[in-house]
Amino acid sequence: MRDDHDDRTGGRDVSRAHDIGGQTGFGPVPVGEDGLPFHHDWEARVYALNGALRARGLYSVDEFRDAIERIPPQEYLELSYYERWLRAIETLLSEKALLPGALHPDDGLPAAQDEG
């Protein structure tokens, strides 16, 4: 009996950027002394947005996890935890044609308007 992992990788032992367990050189896992789950307000909003979108059935937890795992390796390693979540949400909504074209994650964010 073949493992699903073997089917996806053609039987090769392949890891993606998110699969860093057992690797060295990444330093200790930072633990905040404040005990708060979010370091910035926007992180809590991304967390809530993900929950609301999944509750509405726009994507599953498996699709969400896969979107995170598909972030290109260099970008994945440069993003913070909740930046990865936001990138995954943007990717899924774009793939499902639920984002206006101006907000497509590969196009970058619209330029800020000077209200001066």
C-alpha atoms as a PDB file:
ATOM      1  CA  MET A   1       0.000   0.000   0.000  1.00  0.00           C
ATOM      2  CA  ARG A   2       1.419   3.384  -1.038  1.00  0.00           C
ATOM      3  CA  ASP A   3       1.350   6.431   1.164  1.00  0.00           C
ATOM      4  CA  ASP A   4      -0.425   9.587  -0.170  1.00  0.00           C
ATOM      5  CA  HIS A   5       2.852  11.439   0.297  1.00  0.00           C
ATOM      6  CA  ASP A   6       4.500   9.041  -2.161  1.00  0.00           C
ATOM      7  CA  ASP A   7       1.773   9.765  -4.740  1.00  0.00           C
ATOM      8  CA  ARG A   8       2.351  13.513  -4.553  1.00  0.00           C
ATOM      9  CA  THR A   9       6.127  13.306  -4.828  1.00  0.00           C
ATOM     10  CA  GLY A  10       6.453  10.406  -7.230  1.00  0.00           C
ATOM     11  CA  GLY A  11       7.914   8.226  -4.489  1.00  0.00           C
ATOM     12  CA  ARG A  12      10.805  10.640  -3.845  1.00  0.00           C
ATOM     13  CA  ASP A  13      11.527  12.045  -0.408  1.00  0.00           C
ATOM     14  CA  VAL A  14      11.012  15.752  -1.166  1.00  0.00           C
ATOM     15  CA  SER A  15      10.596  18.531   1.357  1.00  0.00           C
ATOM     16  CA  ARG A  16       9.312  22.034   0.804  1.00  0.00           C
ATOM     17  CA  ALA A  17      10.392  25.195   2.630  1.00  0.00           C
ATOM     18  CA  HIS A  18       7.771  24.766   5.350  1.00  0.00           C
ATOM     19  CA  ASP A  19       9.126  21.299   6.236  1.00  0.00           C
ATOM     20  CA  ILE A  20      12.119  22.348   8.334  1.00  0.00           C
ATOM     21  CA  GLY A  21      11.719  19.936  11.231  1.00  0.00           C
ATOM     22  CA  GLY A  22      15.070  18.491  12.237  1.00  0.00           C
ATOM     23  CA  GLN A  23      17.055  21.030  10.246  1.00  0.00           C
ATOM     24  CA  THR A  24      19.599  23.248  11.950  1.00  0.00           C
ATOM     25  CA  GLY A  25      20.484  26.900  11.569  1.00  0.00           C
ATOM     26  CA  PHE A  26      17.087  28.475  12.207  1.00  0.00           C
ATOM     27  CA  GLY A  27      17.719  29.372  15.844  1.00  0.00           C
ATOM     28  CA  PRO A  28      15.358  28.871  18.772  1.00  0.00           C
ATOM     29  CA  VAL A  29      11.616  29.295  18.471  1.00  0.00           C
ATOM     30  CA  PRO A  30      10.920  32.779  19.856  1.00  0.00           C
ATOM     31  CA  VAL A  31       8.634  32.790  22.861  1.00  0.00           C
ATOM     32  CA  GLY A  32       7.043  36.090  23.838  1.00  0.00           C
ATOM     33  CA  GLU A  33       7.128  36.969  27.496  1.00  0.00           C
ATOM     34  CA  ASP A  34       3.775  38.751  27.331  1.00  0.00           C
ATOM     35  CA  GLY A  35       1.840  35.519  26.685  1.00  0.00           C
ATOM     36  CA  LEU A  36      -0.287  37.188  24.018  1.00  0.00           C
ATOM     37  CA  PRO A  37      -1.156  35.150  20.920  1.00  0.00           C
ATOM     38  CA  PHE A  38      -0.769  38.145  18.578  1.00  0.00           C
ATOM     39  CA  HIS A  39       2.026  40.694  18.453  1.00  0.00           C
ATOM     40  CA  HIS A  40       0.096  43.140  16.248  1.00  0.00           C
ATOM     41  CA  ASP A  41      -3.599  43.929  15.788  1.00  0.00           C
ATOM     42  CA  TRP A  42      -3.476  42.984  12.101  1.00  0.00           C
ATOM     43  CA  GLU A  43      -2.466  39.433  13.048  1.00  0.00           C
ATOM     44  CA  ALA A  44      -5.688  39.000  15.028  1.00  0.00           C
ATOM     45  CA  ARG A  45      -7.651  40.318  12.039  1.00  0.00           C
ATOM     46  CA  VAL A  46      -5.948  37.828   9.687  1.00  0.00           C
ATOM     47  CA  TYR A  47      -6.747  35.024  12.153  1.00  0.00           C
ATOM     48  CA  ALA A  48     -10.401  36.112  12.320  1.00  0.00           C
ATOM     49  CA  LEU A  49     -10.623  36.574   8.544  1.00  0.00           C
ATOM     50  CA  ASN A  50      -9.361  33.034   7.971  1.00  0.00           C
ATOM     51  CA  GLY A  51     -11.954  31.657  10.389  1.00  0.00           C
ATOM     52  CA  ALA A  52     -14.784  33.631   8.779  1.00  0.00           C
ATOM     53  CA  LEU A  53     -13.826  32.613   5.227  1.00  0.00           C
ATOM     54  CA  ARG A  54     -13.534  28.947   6.169  1.00  0.00           C
ATOM     55  CA  ALA A  55     -16.839  29.098   8.088  1.00  0.00           C
ATOM     56  CA  ARG A  56     -18.514  30.445   4.934  1.00  0.00           C
ATOM     57  CA  GLY A  57     -17.123  27.471   3.033  1.00  0.00           C
ATOM     58  CA  LEU A  58     -14.940  29.504   0.686  1.00  0.00           C
ATOM     59  CA  TYR A  59     -12.038  27.124   1.276  1.00  0.00           C
ATOM     60  CA  SER A  60     -11.123  24.243   3.551  1.00  0.00           C
ATOM     61  CA  VAL A  61      -8.398  23.937   6.141  1.00  0.00           C
ATOM     62  CA  ASP A  62      -6.619  21.551   3.760  1.00  0.00           C
ATOM     63  CA  GLU A  63      -6.703  24.125   0.942  1.00  0.00           C
ATOM     64  CA  PHE A  64      -5.427  26.758   3.372  1.00  0.00           C
ATOM     65  CA  ARG A  65      -2.548  24.584   4.525  1.00  0.00           C
ATOM     66  CA  ASP A  66      -1.662  23.703   0.932  1.00  0.00           C
ATOM     67  CA  ALA A  67      -1.669  27.392  -0.052  1.00  0.00           C
ATOM     68  CA  ILE A  68       0.824  28.099   2.743  1.00  0.00           C
ATOM     69  CA  GLU A  69       2.987  25.191   1.619  1.00  0.00           C
ATOM     70  CA  ARG A  70       2.965  26.470  -1.986  1.00  0.00           C
ATOM     71  CA  ILE A  71       4.519  29.830  -1.062  1.00  0.00           C
ATOM     72  CA  PRO A  72       7.867  29.976  -2.898  1.00  0.00           C
ATOM     73  CA  PRO A  73      10.693  28.917  -0.538  1.00  0.00           C
ATOM     74  CA  GLN A  74      12.519  32.252  -0.374  1.00  0.00           C
ATOM     75  CA  GLU A  75       9.300  34.172   0.255  1.00  0.00           C
ATOM     76  CA  TYR A  76       8.130  31.588   2.813  1.00  0.00           C
ATOM     77  CA  LEU A  77      11.314  31.980   4.852  1.00  0.00           C
ATOM     78  CA  GLU A  78      11.107  35.801   4.742  1.00  0.00           C
ATOM     79  CA  LEU A  79       7.466  36.027   5.886  1.00  0.00           C
ATOM     80  CA  SER A  80       6.269  35.989   9.469  1.00  0.00           C
ATOM     81  CA  TYR A  81       3.743  33.382  10.611  1.00  0.00           C
ATOM     82  CA  TYR A  82       0.651  35.527   9.992  1.00  0.00           C
ATOM     83  CA  GLU A  83       2.114  37.041   6.834  1.00  0.00           C
ATOM     84  CA  ARG A  84       2.113  33.466   5.514  1.00  0.00           C
ATOM     85  CA  TRP A  85      -1.538  33.146   6.537  1.00  0.00           C
ATOM     86  CA  LEU A  86      -2.393  36.383   4.722  1.00  0.00           C
ATOM     87  CA  ARG A  87      -0.486  35.310   1.612  1.00  0.00           C
ATOM     88  CA  ALA A  88      -2.356  31.976   1.634  1.00  0.00           C
ATOM     89  CA  ILE A  89      -5.727  33.737   1.987  1.00  0.00           C
ATOM     90  CA  GLU A  90      -4.867  36.106  -0.873  1.00  0.00           C
ATOM     91  CA  THR A  91      -3.768  33.179  -3.026  1.00  0.00           C
ATOM     92  CA  LEU A  92      -6.912  31.142  -2.381  1.00  0.00           C
ATOM     93  CA  LEU A  93      -9.275  34.056  -2.963  1.00  0.00           C
ATOM     94  CA  SER A  94      -7.441  34.947  -6.153  1.00  0.00           C
ATOM     95  CA  GLU A  95      -7.478  31.350  -7.428  1.00  0.00           C
ATOM     96  CA  LYS A  96     -11.215  31.208  -6.764  1.00  0.00           C
ATOM     97  CA  ALA A  97     -11.707  34.565  -8.545  1.00  0.00           C
ATOM     98  CA  LEU A  98     -13.019  36.174  -5.357  1.00  0.00           C
ATOM     99  CA  LEU A  99     -10.569  39.108  -5.314  1.00  0.00           C
ATOM    100  CA  PRO A 100     -10.931  42.234  -7.411  1.00  0.00           C
ATOM    101  CA  GLY A 101      -8.175  42.289 -10.052  1.00  0.00           C
ATOM    102  CA  ALA A 102      -6.448  45.248  -8.398  1.00  0.00           C
ATOM    103  CA  LEU A 103      -5.795  43.154  -5.294  1.00  0.00           C
ATOM    104  CA  HIS A 104      -4.342  40.059  -6.961  1.00  0.00           C
ATOM    105  CA  PRO A 105      -1.408  39.064  -4.694  1.00  0.00           C
ATOM    106  CA  ASP A 106       0.995  38.549  -7.591  1.00  0.00           C
ATOM    107  CA  ASP A 107       0.329  42.087  -8.831  1.00  0.00           C
ATOM    108  CA  GLY A 108       1.239  43.681  -5.498  1.00  0.00           C
ATOM    109  CA  LEU A 109      -0.872  46.077  -3.518  1.00  0.00           C
ATOM    110  CA  PRO A 110      -2.287  49.161  -5.186  1.00  0.00           C
ATOM    111  CA  ALA A 111      -0.063  52.201  -4.728  1.00  0.00           C
ATOM    112  CA  ALA A 112      -0.997  54.406  -1.797  1.00  0.00           C
ATOM    113  CA  GLN A 113      -2.821  57.534  -2.829  1.00  0.00           C
ATOM    114  CA  ASP A 114      -1.428  60.859  -1.622  1.00  0.00           C
ATOM    115  CA  GLU A 115      -4.315  62.757  -0.082  1.00  0.00           C
ATOM    116  CA  GLY A 116      -2.214  65.934   0.248  1.00  0.00           C
END
